[in-house]
Amino acid sequence: MRKILIVTALLISSSTIKAQILKDAWNQTKGIATGAATTAVQQATTAVNTAIGGNATPALTNEEVIKGLREALSVGTNNSSGTASKVDGYLKNARLFIPWPEEAKDMREKLIKLGMQKKVQEFETSLNRAAEEAAKKAGTVFLDAITKMSVSDGFAILKGADTAATNFLRKTSYSPLYDQFLPIVKEAIAKVKVTSYWNPLVTKYNKLPGVKKQNPDLNDYVTKKAANGLFILIADEEAKIRKDPMARVTDLLKKVFGAK
């Protein structure tokens, strides 16, 4: 009888332990499931709030985008004119260098054959010095064109290529920009005395038998080349602002190009 009682007690004790183990396992599983469900609900709530603007950055307006594009071009213009106006800003930059006028390339070749290589190089240097001098005052002209630039769909430019704003400025504002830049270049050409290098060359060449007389419009030539060089640099600056957060030096640039 005593053995039966002992066996019965052991069975009851074993069942109690198993029951406790099962209970603990159930409570642990329920806790994990409850935690996961809570996390899922929180994530869903966050997603909904973001979708309806609860925690989202306010959407950009077209007006803000246009202001941001203008500001990017303005920053780019100031940086570019500063770079181009330095000594050798054009002369030692292969992308900006202003060469001998293409229409007079035969003249250049013949003059070099006549031993006037140094004079030819001095003239080419003077062209680039004129552009560097003109770049000192280019900022005002370009900034005026940027201010007057008419943009209807800022988002199309913002979502466009890395130089979309610069390309748009060139396309829509080049003619008036050229007209304002031309007198500045004329003044620069006079200041660095381009014609004093040119006149002896053209006089010598035009006296050669059988050659076509040369008289290119240097004012027009240097204005176009100088403006083109500035557009190249402005495009570089725009691409930098789009790609590099450190180049977004104002709050507006950070907002517009950070949300791109």
Foldseek 3Di string as FASTA:
>chain_A
DVVVVVVVVVVVVVVVVVVVVVVVVVVVVVVVVVVVVVVVVVVVVVVVCCVVVNPHDDDDDQVLLLVLLLVLLLLLLVVLLVQLLDVCSQVVDPVQQQADDPVCVVLVVVCVVVVCPVLRVVLSSLLSNLLSQLSNVLSVLLNVLSVVQDDDGSVCQLPDDLQSSLVSSCVPPVVVSLVVSLVSSVVSCVVSVSVVSVVVSQVVSVPDPPDDRDDDDSSSSSSVSSVVSSSVSSSVSSSCLLPPVVSQPDPSSCVNSVVD
